[in-house]
């Protein structure tokens, strides 16, 4: 796993026209530590969220992306998340933002209140490592839930039979077109150490787009 590396993404592929290009350009030009890869991934995550439950492609394909940005410590992973948060708060959609994954039930309850959400999670490798070691079953349930949620974005996902307070949810309707965009970041070394063969073969990583930045640019 340690030897598994992503090819370097050419800069021209990170500079596109339209909304994504403008947001990525703003993030890159204003970040204390400019990072083209992270700026692009952050803008892609924002566009994915804004299309949520509004746009679908052929065969009912939804633009709900699970994105992972890999960068070394102090390489500029934080600023694109801040840009997305500022934009969503400015348009009155700050309640659609999520951060840490506490449990699958927590994600489900959040989506029941806001069926279109953007989760921005730093150090996502800690969750993956917990899944790999199996020390906490709730993290394995998170992975299973995210896989099911990804596939259910163009349909209805039934709510669990009981809520967090132990009361029945039988009178609650299912989640109609639940839409979650995930923007996770991690340090490459920790990420590669946290993944397992099972994660590759069960379809979880098949649902993720992974981007790695290699060079650390200077502080402005």
N, C-alpha and C. Protein backbone atom coordinates (compact mmCIF):
# COMPACT_ATOMS: atom_id res chain seq x y z
N UNK A 1 0.84 -1.20 0.00
CA UNK A 1 0.00 0.00 0.00
C UNK A 1 0.87 1.25 0.00
N UNK A 2 1.97 1.23 0.73
CA UNK A 2 2.82 2.41 0.84
C UNK A 2 3.39 2.79 -0.53
N UNK A 3 3.56 1.81 -1.41
CA UNK A 3 4.13 2.09 -2.71
C UNK A 3 3.08 2.58 -3.71
N UNK A 4 1.81 2.49 -3.33
CA UNK A 4 0.74 2.90 -4.25
C UNK A 4 0.71 4.43 -4.33
N UNK A 5 0.93 4.97 -5.51
CA UNK A 5 0.96 6.42 -5.69
C UNK A 5 0.09 6.82 -6.87
N UNK A 6 -0.49 8.00 -6.74
CA UNK A 6 -1.25 8.56 -7.84
C UNK A 6 -0.32 9.33 -8.76
N UNK A 7 -0.56 9.31 -10.07
CA UNK A 7 0.25 10.12 -10.97
C UNK A 7 0.00 11.60 -10.72
N UNK A 8 1.01 12.41 -10.97
CA UNK A 8 0.87 13.85 -10.78
C UNK A 8 -0.12 14.40 -11.79
N UNK A 9 -1.06 15.21 -11.31
CA UNK A 9 -2.09 15.78 -12.17
C UNK A 9 -1.52 17.00 -12.88
N UNK A 10 -1.55 17.04 -14.21
CA UNK A 10 -1.04 18.21 -14.94
C UNK A 10 -1.82 19.46 -14.56
N UNK A 11 -1.15 20.58 -14.45
CA UNK A 11 -1.79 21.83 -14.06
C UNK A 11 -2.93 22.22 -14.99
N UNK A 12 -2.79 21.91 -16.29
CA UNK A 12 -3.83 22.31 -17.23
C UNK A 12 -5.16 21.61 -16.97
N UNK A 13 -5.11 20.46 -16.33
CA UNK A 13 -6.35 19.75 -15.99
C UNK A 13 -7.01 20.34 -14.75
N UNK A 14 -6.30 21.17 -14.02
CA UNK A 14 -6.84 21.79 -12.82
C UNK A 14 -7.32 23.21 -13.09
N UNK A 15 -7.23 23.65 -14.33
CA UNK A 15 -7.65 25.00 -14.71
C UNK A 15 -8.73 24.89 -15.77
N UNK A 16 -9.98 24.95 -15.33
CA UNK A 16 -11.10 24.81 -16.26
C UNK A 16 -11.97 26.06 -16.20
N UNK A 17 -12.79 26.22 -17.21
CA UNK A 17 -13.65 27.40 -17.26
C UNK A 17 -14.89 27.18 -16.40
N UNK A 18 -15.68 28.23 -16.24
CA UNK A 18 -16.93 28.11 -15.52
C UNK A 18 -16.80 28.29 -14.02
N UNK A 19 -17.85 27.91 -13.32
CA UNK A 19 -17.94 28.14 -11.87
C UNK A 19 -16.82 27.46 -11.11
N UNK A 20 -16.55 26.20 -11.43
CA UNK A 20 -15.49 25.47 -10.73
C UNK A 20 -14.16 26.17 -10.90
N UNK A 21 -13.87 26.61 -12.11
CA UNK A 21 -12.62 27.30 -12.37
C UNK A 21 -12.50 28.60 -11.61
N UNK A 22 -13.60 29.34 -11.49
CA UNK A 22 -13.56 30.63 -10.77
C UNK A 22 -13.35 30.43 -9.28
N UNK A 23 -14.04 29.45 -8.71
CA UNK A 23 -13.88 29.19 -7.27
C UNK A 23 -12.48 28.66 -6.99
N UNK A 24 -11.99 27.75 -7.83
CA UNK A 24 -10.64 27.22 -7.64
C UNK A 24 -9.60 28.32 -7.76
N UNK A 25 -9.78 29.22 -8.71
CA UNK A 25 -8.84 30.33 -8.91
C UNK A 25 -8.85 31.24 -7.69
N UNK A 26 -10.03 31.53 -7.15
CA UNK A 26 -10.12 32.38 -5.96
C UNK A 26 -9.40 31.72 -4.78
N UNK A 27 -9.66 30.43 -4.57
CA UNK A 27 -9.01 29.72 -3.46
C UNK A 27 -7.50 29.73 -3.60
N UNK A 28 -7.03 29.47 -4.82
CA UNK A 28 -5.59 29.39 -5.04
C UNK A 28 -4.92 30.75 -4.86
N UNK A 29 -5.55 31.81 -5.36
CA UNK A 29 -4.93 33.13 -5.33
C UNK A 29 -5.02 33.80 -3.96
N UNK A 30 -5.90 33.34 -3.09
CA UNK A 30 -6.07 33.98 -1.79
C UNK A 30 -5.62 33.14 -0.60
N UNK A 31 -5.26 31.90 -0.85
CA UNK A 31 -4.84 31.02 0.25
C UNK A 31 -3.46 31.42 0.77
N UNK A 32 -3.26 31.37 2.10
CA UNK A 32 -1.92 31.62 2.65
C UNK A 32 -0.89 30.66 2.08
N UNK A 33 -1.32 29.39 1.89
CA UNK A 33 -0.47 28.39 1.25
C UNK A 33 -1.21 27.92 -0.01
N UNK A 34 -0.87 28.42 -1.19
CA UNK A 34 -1.61 28.06 -2.41
C UNK A 34 -1.39 26.60 -2.79
N UNK A 35 -2.49 25.95 -3.14
CA UNK A 35 -2.42 24.55 -3.52
C UNK A 35 -3.44 24.31 -4.63
N UNK A 36 -2.98 24.13 -5.84
CA UNK A 36 -3.87 24.00 -6.99
C UNK A 36 -4.78 22.78 -6.89
N UNK A 37 -4.24 21.67 -6.43
CA UNK A 37 -5.03 20.44 -6.34
C UNK A 37 -6.16 20.62 -5.33
N UNK A 38 -5.82 21.10 -4.12
CA UNK A 38 -6.84 21.26 -3.08
C UNK A 38 -7.87 22.32 -3.47
N UNK A 39 -7.42 23.38 -4.14
CA UNK A 39 -8.35 24.42 -4.58
C UNK A 39 -9.35 23.84 -5.59
N UNK A 40 -8.84 23.00 -6.49
CA UNK A 40 -9.71 22.39 -7.50
C UNK A 40 -10.70 21.43 -6.85
N UNK A 41 -10.22 20.58 -5.94
CA UNK A 41 -11.09 19.60 -5.30
C UNK A 41 -12.17 20.31 -4.46
N UNK A 42 -11.77 21.36 -3.76
CA UNK A 42 -12.74 22.12 -2.97
C UNK A 42 -13.83 22.72 -3.84
N UNK A 43 -13.44 23.30 -4.98
CA UNK A 43 -14.42 23.88 -5.90
C UNK A 43 -15.31 22.81 -6.50
N UNK A 44 -14.75 21.66 -6.79
CA UNK A 44 -15.52 20.54 -7.34
C UNK A 44 -16.57 20.07 -6.32
N UNK A 45 -16.17 20.03 -5.05
CA UNK A 45 -17.10 19.63 -4.00
C UNK A 45 -18.25 20.63 -3.88
N UNK A 46 -17.93 21.91 -3.96
CA UNK A 46 -18.96 22.95 -3.86
C UNK A 46 -19.94 22.84 -5.03
N UNK A 47 -19.43 22.64 -6.24
CA UNK A 47 -20.32 22.50 -7.40
C UNK A 47 -21.20 21.26 -7.27
N UNK A 48 -20.63 20.18 -6.78
CA UNK A 48 -21.40 18.96 -6.58
C UNK A 48 -22.57 19.22 -5.64
N UNK A 49 -22.30 19.87 -4.52
CA UNK A 49 -23.37 20.18 -3.55
C UNK A 49 -24.45 21.07 -4.18
N UNK A 50 -24.03 22.11 -4.90
CA UNK A 50 -24.99 23.05 -5.47
C UNK A 50 -25.89 22.39 -6.52
N UNK A 51 -25.43 21.32 -7.13
CA UNK A 51 -26.24 20.58 -8.10
C UNK A 51 -27.15 19.56 -7.43
N UNK A 52 -26.97 19.37 -6.14
CA UNK A 52 -27.70 18.33 -5.43
C UNK A 52 -29.20 18.43 -5.53
N UNK A 53 -29.85 17.32 -5.93
CA UNK A 53 -31.31 17.22 -6.04
C UNK A 53 -31.88 18.18 -7.07
N UNK A 54 -31.04 18.71 -7.93
CA UNK A 54 -31.48 19.62 -9.00
C UNK A 54 -31.11 19.10 -10.39
N UNK A 55 -30.00 18.35 -10.46
CA UNK A 55 -29.45 17.91 -11.75
C UNK A 55 -29.22 16.40 -11.70
N UNK A 56 -29.54 15.74 -12.80
CA UNK A 56 -29.19 14.33 -12.92
C UNK A 56 -28.82 14.03 -14.37
N UNK A 57 -27.99 13.03 -14.53
CA UNK A 57 -27.53 12.67 -15.86
C UNK A 57 -28.29 11.49 -16.42
N UNK A 58 -27.70 10.87 -17.42
CA UNK A 58 -28.31 9.69 -18.03
C UNK A 58 -28.38 8.56 -17.01
N UNK A 59 -29.39 7.74 -17.13
CA UNK A 59 -29.59 6.60 -16.22
C UNK A 59 -29.73 7.06 -14.77
N UNK A 60 -30.29 8.27 -14.59
CA UNK A 60 -30.53 8.82 -13.25
C UNK A 60 -29.24 8.97 -12.43
N UNK A 61 -28.12 9.20 -13.10
CA UNK A 61 -26.86 9.41 -12.39
C UNK A 61 -26.86 10.78 -11.72
N UNK A 62 -26.56 10.80 -10.44
CA UNK A 62 -26.53 12.04 -9.68
C UNK A 62 -25.09 12.51 -9.47
N UNK A 63 -24.87 13.83 -9.35
CA UNK A 63 -23.51 14.35 -9.18
C UNK A 63 -23.05 14.37 -7.72
N UNK A 64 -23.47 13.39 -6.94
CA UNK A 64 -23.04 13.32 -5.53
C UNK A 64 -21.65 12.69 -5.48
N UNK A 65 -20.65 13.53 -5.28
CA UNK A 65 -19.27 13.08 -5.34
C UNK A 65 -18.70 12.83 -3.95
N UNK A 66 -17.90 11.78 -3.85
CA UNK A 66 -17.09 11.53 -2.66
C UNK A 66 -15.65 11.84 -3.07
N UNK A 67 -15.11 12.92 -2.55
CA UNK A 67 -13.81 13.42 -2.96
C UNK A 67 -12.81 13.33 -1.81
N UNK A 68 -11.59 12.96 -2.14
CA UNK A 68 -10.54 12.88 -1.13
C UNK A 68 -9.31 13.61 -1.64
N UNK A 69 -8.89 14.63 -0.89
CA UNK A 69 -7.70 15.39 -1.23
C UNK A 69 -6.56 15.04 -0.29
N UNK A 70 -5.45 14.60 -0.86
CA UNK A 70 -4.29 14.22 -0.06
C UNK A 70 -3.22 15.29 -0.15
N UNK A 71 -2.73 15.71 0.99
CA UNK A 71 -1.68 16.72 1.02
C UNK A 71 -0.90 16.63 2.32
N UNK A 72 0.35 16.99 2.26
CA UNK A 72 1.18 16.92 3.45
C UNK A 72 0.80 18.02 4.45
N UNK A 73 1.28 17.90 5.64
CA UNK A 73 0.96 18.88 6.69
C UNK A 73 1.34 20.29 6.25
N UNK A 74 0.45 21.23 6.55
CA UNK A 74 0.65 22.66 6.22
C UNK A 74 0.78 22.88 4.71
N UNK A 75 0.04 22.09 3.93
CA UNK A 75 0.11 22.22 2.48
C UNK A 75 -1.09 22.95 1.89
N UNK A 76 -1.95 23.51 2.75
CA UNK A 76 -3.07 24.30 2.24
C UNK A 76 -4.37 23.55 2.11
N UNK A 77 -4.59 22.53 2.95
CA UNK A 77 -5.83 21.75 2.87
C UNK A 77 -7.03 22.50 3.47
N UNK A 78 -6.78 23.41 4.38
CA UNK A 78 -7.86 24.04 5.14
C UNK A 78 -8.58 25.14 4.36
N UNK A 79 -7.85 25.93 3.59
CA UNK A 79 -8.44 27.12 2.98
C UNK A 79 -9.61 26.82 2.04
N UNK A 80 -9.53 25.81 1.16
CA UNK A 80 -10.68 25.52 0.30
C UNK A 80 -11.94 25.17 1.09
N UNK A 81 -11.78 24.50 2.22
CA UNK A 81 -12.95 24.21 3.06
C UNK A 81 -13.54 25.51 3.60
N UNK A 82 -12.66 26.43 4.01
CA UNK A 82 -13.14 27.71 4.53
C UNK A 82 -13.89 28.51 3.45
N UNK A 83 -13.39 28.46 2.23
CA UNK A 83 -14.06 29.16 1.13
C UNK A 83 -15.46 28.61 0.92
N UNK A 84 -15.59 27.29 0.92
CA UNK A 84 -16.90 26.67 0.76
C UNK A 84 -17.84 27.05 1.90
N UNK A 85 -17.31 27.06 3.11
CA UNK A 85 -18.13 27.43 4.26
C UNK A 85 -18.60 28.88 4.17
N UNK A 86 -17.71 29.76 3.77
CA UNK A 86 -18.07 31.18 3.64
C UNK A 86 -19.15 31.37 2.57
N UNK A 87 -19.02 30.68 1.46
CA UNK A 87 -20.01 30.82 0.38
C UNK A 87 -21.37 30.30 0.83
N UNK A 88 -21.40 29.13 1.46
CA UNK A 88 -22.69 28.57 1.87
C UNK A 88 -23.34 29.40 2.96
N UNK A 89 -22.55 29.93 3.86
CA UNK A 89 -23.12 30.81 4.89
C UNK A 89 -23.63 32.11 4.28
N UNK A 90 -22.95 32.61 3.25
CA UNK A 90 -23.35 33.86 2.61
C UNK A 90 -24.69 33.71 1.88
N UNK A 91 -24.99 32.51 1.39
CA UNK A 91 -26.25 32.31 0.68
C UNK A 91 -27.32 31.68 1.57
N UNK A 92 -27.04 31.63 2.86
CA UNK A 92 -28.02 31.11 3.81
C UNK A 92 -28.15 29.61 3.85
N UNK A 93 -27.10 28.89 3.42
CA UNK A 93 -27.14 27.43 3.42
C UNK A 93 -26.10 26.84 4.36
N UNK A 94 -25.71 27.59 5.37
CA UNK A 94 -24.71 27.09 6.30
C UNK A 94 -25.16 25.85 7.05
N UNK A 95 -26.48 25.67 7.22
CA UNK A 95 -26.99 24.50 7.93
C UNK A 95 -26.80 23.22 7.14
N UNK A 96 -26.45 23.32 5.86
CA UNK A 96 -26.22 22.14 5.04
C UNK A 96 -24.78 21.64 5.11
N UNK A 97 -23.98 22.28 5.96
CA UNK A 97 -22.59 21.87 6.13
C UNK A 97 -22.45 20.88 7.27
N UNK A 98 -21.62 19.87 7.07
CA UNK A 98 -21.29 18.93 8.12
C UNK A 98 -19.78 18.78 8.20
N UNK A 99 -19.30 18.21 9.30
CA UNK A 99 -17.85 18.03 9.44
C UNK A 99 -17.52 16.60 9.84
N UNK A 100 -17.42 16.34 11.12
CA UNK A 100 -17.01 15.02 11.58
C UNK A 100 -18.16 14.01 11.49
N UNK A 101 -17.80 12.76 11.20
CA UNK A 101 -18.77 11.67 11.20
C UNK A 101 -18.76 11.00 12.57
N UNK A 102 -19.82 11.20 13.34
CA UNK A 102 -19.90 10.56 14.65
C UNK A 102 -20.49 9.16 14.53
N UNK A 103 -21.47 8.99 13.65
CA UNK A 103 -22.13 7.70 13.48
C UNK A 103 -22.95 7.73 12.21
N UNK A 104 -23.31 6.54 11.73
CA UNK A 104 -24.19 6.46 10.56
C UNK A 104 -25.55 7.05 10.89
N UNK A 105 -26.01 6.82 12.12
CA UNK A 105 -27.30 7.37 12.54
C UNK A 105 -27.29 8.89 12.53
N UNK A 106 -26.15 9.46 12.92
CA UNK A 106 -26.04 10.91 12.94
C UNK A 106 -26.12 11.50 11.54
N UNK A 107 -25.46 10.84 10.57
CA UNK A 107 -25.52 11.30 9.18
C UNK A 107 -26.95 11.20 8.66
N UNK A 108 -27.59 10.09 8.97
CA UNK A 108 -28.96 9.88 8.51
C UNK A 108 -29.90 10.94 9.08
N UNK A 109 -29.78 11.21 10.36
CA UNK A 109 -30.64 12.21 10.98
C UNK A 109 -30.39 13.60 10.40
N UNK A 110 -29.11 13.90 10.11
CA UNK A 110 -28.79 15.20 9.53
C UNK A 110 -29.42 15.33 8.14
N UNK A 111 -29.37 14.25 7.35
CA UNK A 111 -29.94 14.28 6.01
C UNK A 111 -31.47 14.32 6.05
N UNK A 112 -32.06 13.78 7.12
CA UNK A 112 -33.50 13.84 7.24
C UNK A 112 -33.95 15.29 7.45
N UNK A 113 -33.11 16.09 8.09
CA UNK A 113 -33.42 17.50 8.28
C UNK A 113 -33.03 18.32 7.06
N UNK A 114 -31.87 17.98 6.46
CA UNK A 114 -31.37 18.68 5.27
C UNK A 114 -30.97 17.62 4.25
N UNK A 115 -31.86 17.28 3.30
CA UNK A 115 -31.59 16.15 2.40
C UNK A 115 -30.45 16.37 1.42
N UNK A 116 -29.90 17.57 1.36
CA UNK A 116 -28.75 17.85 0.51
C UNK A 116 -27.67 18.48 1.38
N UNK A 117 -26.54 17.80 1.56
CA UNK A 117 -25.52 18.28 2.48
C UNK A 117 -24.12 18.14 1.89
N UNK A 118 -23.23 18.97 2.41
CA UNK A 118 -21.81 18.92 2.08
C UNK A 118 -21.04 18.66 3.37
N UNK A 119 -20.41 17.50 3.45
CA UNK A 119 -19.58 17.17 4.61
C UNK A 119 -18.12 17.40 4.24
N UNK A 120 -17.44 18.22 5.04
CA UNK A 120 -16.02 18.49 4.83
C UNK A 120 -15.26 17.98 6.05
N UNK A 121 -14.51 16.92 5.85
CA UNK A 121 -13.90 16.20 6.97
C UNK A 121 -12.38 16.15 6.83
N UNK A 122 -11.69 16.73 7.77
CA UNK A 122 -10.23 16.66 7.79
C UNK A 122 -9.79 15.40 8.53
N UNK A 123 -8.59 14.94 8.24
CA UNK A 123 -8.02 13.75 8.88
C UNK A 123 -8.98 12.57 8.78
N UNK A 124 -9.52 12.37 7.58
CA UNK A 124 -10.46 11.27 7.37
C UNK A 124 -9.79 9.92 7.52
N UNK A 125 -8.46 9.92 7.51
CA UNK A 125 -7.73 8.66 7.69
C UNK A 125 -7.97 8.05 9.06
N UNK A 126 -8.31 8.89 10.07
CA UNK A 126 -8.58 8.35 11.40
C UNK A 126 -9.83 7.47 11.38
N UNK A 127 -10.82 7.87 10.59
CA UNK A 127 -12.03 7.05 10.44
C UNK A 127 -11.69 5.76 9.71
N UNK A 128 -10.90 5.88 8.63
CA UNK A 128 -10.54 4.70 7.84
C UNK A 128 -9.71 3.73 8.67
N UNK A 129 -8.84 4.26 9.51
CA UNK A 129 -8.00 3.40 10.34
C UNK A 129 -8.86 2.65 11.36
N UNK A 130 -9.87 3.32 11.90
CA UNK A 130 -10.78 2.67 12.85
C UNK A 130 -11.58 1.58 12.16
N UNK A 131 -11.96 1.80 10.90
CA UNK A 131 -12.66 0.78 10.13
C UNK A 131 -11.75 -0.42 9.90
N UNK A 132 -10.49 -0.14 9.57
CA UNK A 132 -9.53 -1.20 9.27
C UNK A 132 -9.27 -2.08 10.49
N UNK A 133 -9.09 -1.45 11.65
CA UNK A 133 -8.77 -2.21 12.85
C UNK A 133 -9.98 -2.89 13.46
N UNK A 134 -11.17 -2.38 13.15
CA UNK A 134 -12.39 -2.97 13.68
C UNK A 134 -12.61 -2.75 15.16
N UNK A 135 -11.93 -1.75 15.73
CA UNK A 135 -12.05 -1.50 17.16
C UNK A 135 -13.39 -0.89 17.53
N UNK A 136 -14.00 -0.18 16.61
CA UNK A 136 -15.26 0.48 16.89
C UNK A 136 -16.23 0.18 15.75
N UNK A 137 -17.27 -0.59 16.04
CA UNK A 137 -18.18 -1.03 14.99
C UNK A 137 -18.91 0.12 14.32
N UNK A 138 -19.09 1.24 15.03
CA UNK A 138 -19.86 2.34 14.45
C UNK A 138 -19.18 2.88 13.19
N UNK A 139 -17.84 2.80 13.12
CA UNK A 139 -17.15 3.29 11.93
C UNK A 139 -17.37 2.37 10.74
N UNK A 140 -17.46 1.06 10.99
CA UNK A 140 -17.79 0.14 9.90
C UNK A 140 -19.19 0.41 9.39
N UNK A 141 -20.10 0.76 10.30
CA UNK A 141 -21.46 1.09 9.90
C UNK A 141 -21.50 2.37 9.08
N UNK A 142 -20.59 3.31 9.39
CA UNK A 142 -20.51 4.55 8.61
C UNK A 142 -20.15 4.23 7.16
N UNK A 143 -19.15 3.37 6.96
CA UNK A 143 -18.73 3.02 5.61
C UNK A 143 -19.87 2.35 4.86
N UNK A 144 -20.56 1.42 5.50
CA UNK A 144 -21.68 0.74 4.86
C UNK A 144 -22.79 1.72 4.51
N UNK A 145 -23.06 2.66 5.43
CA UNK A 145 -24.12 3.64 5.19
C UNK A 145 -23.75 4.55 4.02
N UNK A 146 -22.51 5.00 3.96
CA UNK A 146 -22.08 5.88 2.87
C UNK A 146 -22.18 5.18 1.53
N UNK A 147 -21.88 3.90 1.49
CA UNK A 147 -21.99 3.15 0.24
C UNK A 147 -23.45 3.07 -0.20
N UNK A 148 -24.35 2.75 0.74
CA UNK A 148 -25.76 2.65 0.41
C UNK A 148 -26.34 4.01 0.02
N UNK A 149 -25.89 5.04 0.73
CA UNK A 149 -26.38 6.39 0.46
C UNK A 149 -25.99 6.84 -0.94
N UNK A 150 -24.78 6.53 -1.33
CA UNK A 150 -24.29 6.91 -2.66
C UNK A 150 -25.20 6.34 -3.75
N UNK A 151 -25.59 5.09 -3.58
CA UNK A 151 -26.42 4.41 -4.59
C UNK A 151 -27.87 4.84 -4.53
N UNK A 152 -28.30 5.38 -3.38
CA UNK A 152 -29.71 5.73 -3.19
C UNK A 152 -30.02 7.17 -3.56
N UNK A 153 -29.05 7.90 -4.10
CA UNK A 153 -29.25 9.33 -4.36
C UNK A 153 -30.33 9.60 -5.40
N UNK A 154 -30.65 8.62 -6.22
CA UNK A 154 -31.68 8.82 -7.24
C UNK A 154 -32.96 8.06 -6.91
N UNK A 155 -33.10 7.65 -5.64
CA UNK A 155 -34.28 6.89 -5.26
C UNK A 155 -34.68 7.27 -3.83
N UNK A 156 -35.22 6.32 -3.11
CA UNK A 156 -35.66 6.56 -1.73
C UNK A 156 -34.88 5.61 -0.82
N UNK A 157 -34.32 6.18 0.24
CA UNK A 157 -33.60 5.37 1.21
C UNK A 157 -34.45 5.27 2.47
N UNK A 158 -34.79 4.05 2.85
CA UNK A 158 -35.64 3.86 4.01
C UNK A 158 -34.90 4.22 5.29
N UNK A 159 -35.61 4.91 6.18
CA UNK A 159 -35.02 5.31 7.44
C UNK A 159 -34.97 4.11 8.38
N UNK A 160 -33.99 4.08 9.27
CA UNK A 160 -33.87 2.98 10.20
C UNK A 160 -35.11 2.89 11.09
N UNK A 161 -35.34 1.73 11.67
CA UNK A 161 -36.59 1.49 12.39
C UNK A 161 -36.69 2.27 13.69
N UNK A 162 -35.54 2.64 14.30
CA UNK A 162 -35.57 3.38 15.55
C UNK A 162 -34.64 4.58 15.50
N UNK A 163 -35.04 5.66 16.17
CA UNK A 163 -34.24 6.86 16.23
C UNK A 163 -33.19 6.77 17.32
N UNK A 164 -32.42 7.86 17.45
CA UNK A 164 -31.36 7.88 18.46
C UNK A 164 -31.91 7.80 19.86
N UNK A 165 -33.16 8.22 20.07
CA UNK A 165 -33.76 8.18 21.40
C UNK A 165 -34.46 6.85 21.67
N UNK A 166 -34.34 5.91 20.73
CA UNK A 166 -34.94 4.59 20.92
C UNK A 166 -36.39 4.51 20.50
N UNK A 167 -36.98 5.62 20.09
CA UNK A 167 -38.36 5.62 19.68
C UNK A 167 -38.48 5.16 18.23
N UNK A 168 -39.67 4.62 17.91
CA UNK A 168 -39.89 4.10 16.57
C UNK A 168 -39.91 5.20 15.53
N UNK A 169 -39.37 4.89 14.36
CA UNK A 169 -39.40 5.81 13.23
C UNK A 169 -40.37 5.34 12.15
N UNK A 170 -41.25 4.42 12.51
CA UNK A 170 -42.13 3.82 11.51
C UNK A 170 -43.05 4.84 10.85
N UNK A 171 -43.33 5.93 11.56
CA UNK A 171 -44.22 6.95 10.99
C UNK A 171 -43.46 7.96 10.13
N UNK A 172 -42.15 7.79 10.02
CA UNK A 172 -41.34 8.70 9.22
C UNK A 172 -41.19 8.16 7.81
N UNK A 173 -41.29 9.03 6.85
CA UNK A 173 -41.08 8.65 5.46
C UNK A 173 -39.59 8.42 5.22
N UNK A 174 -39.28 7.71 4.14
CA UNK A 174 -37.88 7.48 3.81
C UNK A 174 -37.22 8.75 3.30
N UNK A 175 -35.92 8.67 3.12
CA UNK A 175 -35.16 9.79 2.59
C UNK A 175 -35.29 9.80 1.08
N UNK A 176 -36.00 10.79 0.54
CA UNK A 176 -36.23 10.87 -0.90
C UNK A 176 -35.09 11.64 -1.55
N UNK A 177 -34.42 11.00 -2.50
CA UNK A 177 -33.27 11.57 -3.17
C UNK A 177 -32.25 12.15 -2.17
N UNK A 178 -31.79 11.37 -1.22
CA UNK A 178 -30.79 11.89 -0.28
C UNK A 178 -29.49 12.19 -1.01
N UNK A 179 -28.91 13.34 -0.75
CA UNK A 179 -27.75 13.78 -1.52
C UNK A 179 -26.65 14.25 -0.57
N UNK A 180 -25.54 13.55 -0.61
CA UNK A 180 -24.40 13.91 0.24
C UNK A 180 -23.15 14.05 -0.62
N UNK A 181 -22.52 15.21 -0.54
CA UNK A 181 -21.20 15.41 -1.14
C UNK A 181 -20.18 15.33 -0.02
N UNK A 182 -19.16 14.53 -0.21
CA UNK A 182 -18.12 14.35 0.80
C UNK A 182 -16.80 14.92 0.29
N UNK A 183 -16.22 15.81 1.06
CA UNK A 183 -14.91 16.37 0.76
C UNK A 183 -14.00 16.07 1.95
N UNK A 184 -13.22 15.01 1.82
CA UNK A 184 -12.32 14.61 2.89
C UNK A 184 -10.88 14.95 2.54
N UNK A 185 -10.08 15.21 3.55
CA UNK A 185 -8.66 15.48 3.35
C UNK A 185 -7.84 14.66 4.34
N UNK A 186 -6.60 14.38 3.95
CA UNK A 186 -5.73 13.57 4.81
C UNK A 186 -4.29 13.74 4.37
N UNK A 187 -3.39 13.39 5.25
CA UNK A 187 -1.96 13.33 4.93
C UNK A 187 -1.71 12.01 4.19
N UNK A 188 -1.03 12.03 3.06
CA UNK A 188 -0.86 10.82 2.25
C UNK A 188 -0.37 9.60 3.03
N UNK A 189 0.69 9.78 3.83
CA UNK A 189 1.27 8.64 4.55
C UNK A 189 0.24 7.97 5.45
N UNK A 190 -0.51 8.77 6.21
CA UNK A 190 -1.51 8.21 7.11
C UNK A 190 -2.66 7.57 6.34
N UNK A 191 -3.00 8.16 5.21
CA UNK A 191 -4.07 7.60 4.39
C UNK A 191 -3.69 6.22 3.87
N UNK A 192 -2.49 6.10 3.30
CA UNK A 192 -2.08 4.82 2.73
C UNK A 192 -1.97 3.74 3.81
N UNK A 193 -1.61 4.14 5.01
CA UNK A 193 -1.50 3.18 6.11
C UNK A 193 -2.86 2.74 6.63
N UNK A 194 -3.89 3.55 6.39
CA UNK A 194 -5.20 3.27 6.98
C UNK A 194 -6.10 2.40 6.11
N UNK A 195 -5.77 2.25 4.83
CA UNK A 195 -6.66 1.52 3.94
C UNK A 195 -6.32 0.03 3.94
N UNK A 196 -7.33 -0.76 3.62
CA UNK A 196 -7.17 -2.21 3.61
C UNK A 196 -7.68 -2.78 2.29
N UNK A 197 -7.39 -4.04 2.06
CA UNK A 197 -7.84 -4.69 0.83
C UNK A 197 -9.36 -4.73 0.77
N UNK A 198 -10.00 -4.92 1.90
CA UNK A 198 -11.46 -4.98 1.94
C UNK A 198 -12.08 -3.67 1.45
N UNK A 199 -11.47 -2.55 1.80
CA UNK A 199 -12.01 -1.26 1.39
C UNK A 199 -11.96 -1.10 -0.12
N UNK A 200 -10.95 -1.71 -0.74
CA UNK A 200 -10.84 -1.63 -2.19
C UNK A 200 -11.83 -2.55 -2.89
N UNK A 201 -12.10 -3.70 -2.30
CA UNK A 201 -12.90 -4.72 -2.97
C UNK A 201 -14.40 -4.62 -2.67
N UNK A 202 -14.79 -3.93 -1.59
CA UNK A 202 -16.22 -3.88 -1.27
C UNK A 202 -16.95 -2.73 -1.95
N UNK A 203 -16.25 -1.94 -2.76
CA UNK A 203 -16.90 -0.88 -3.50
C UNK A 203 -16.82 0.49 -2.89
N UNK A 204 -16.27 0.59 -1.68
CA UNK A 204 -16.22 1.90 -1.02
C UNK A 204 -15.32 2.87 -1.77
N UNK A 205 -14.10 2.43 -2.09
CA UNK A 205 -13.17 3.32 -2.78
C UNK A 205 -13.51 3.45 -4.26
N UNK A 206 -14.31 2.53 -4.77
CA UNK A 206 -14.79 2.67 -6.13
C UNK A 206 -15.73 3.86 -6.28
N UNK A 207 -16.23 4.35 -5.17
CA UNK A 207 -17.13 5.50 -5.16
C UNK A 207 -16.39 6.81 -4.89
N UNK A 208 -15.09 6.75 -4.68
CA UNK A 208 -14.33 7.93 -4.31
C UNK A 208 -13.40 8.38 -5.44
N UNK A 209 -13.23 9.70 -5.54
CA UNK A 209 -12.23 10.28 -6.43
C UNK A 209 -11.11 10.82 -5.56
N UNK A 210 -9.91 10.31 -5.79
CA UNK A 210 -8.77 10.66 -4.94
C UNK A 210 -7.80 11.54 -5.72
N UNK A 211 -7.44 12.67 -5.11
CA UNK A 211 -6.49 13.61 -5.71
C UNK A 211 -5.34 13.81 -4.73
N UNK A 212 -4.11 13.76 -5.23
CA UNK A 212 -2.96 13.99 -4.36
C UNK A 212 -2.12 15.15 -4.87
N UNK A 213 -1.77 16.05 -3.95
CA UNK A 213 -0.85 17.14 -4.28
C UNK A 213 0.53 16.76 -3.77
N UNK A 214 1.53 16.96 -4.60
CA UNK A 214 2.87 16.53 -4.26
C UNK A 214 3.78 17.67 -3.80
N UNK A 215 3.66 18.80 -4.44
CA UNK A 215 4.57 19.88 -4.09
C UNK A 215 3.92 20.85 -3.12
N UNK A 216 4.68 21.28 -2.15
CA UNK A 216 4.22 22.25 -1.17
C UNK A 216 4.73 23.63 -1.59
N UNK A 217 3.79 24.53 -1.84
CA UNK A 217 4.17 25.86 -2.27
C UNK A 217 4.39 26.77 -1.07
N UNK A 218 5.01 27.90 -1.31
CA UNK A 218 5.41 28.78 -0.21
C UNK A 218 4.24 29.56 0.36
N UNK A 219 4.38 29.94 1.64
CA UNK A 219 3.40 30.85 2.25
C UNK A 219 3.45 32.17 1.51
N UNK A 220 2.30 32.82 1.43
CA UNK A 220 2.27 34.13 0.78
C UNK A 220 2.78 35.20 1.74
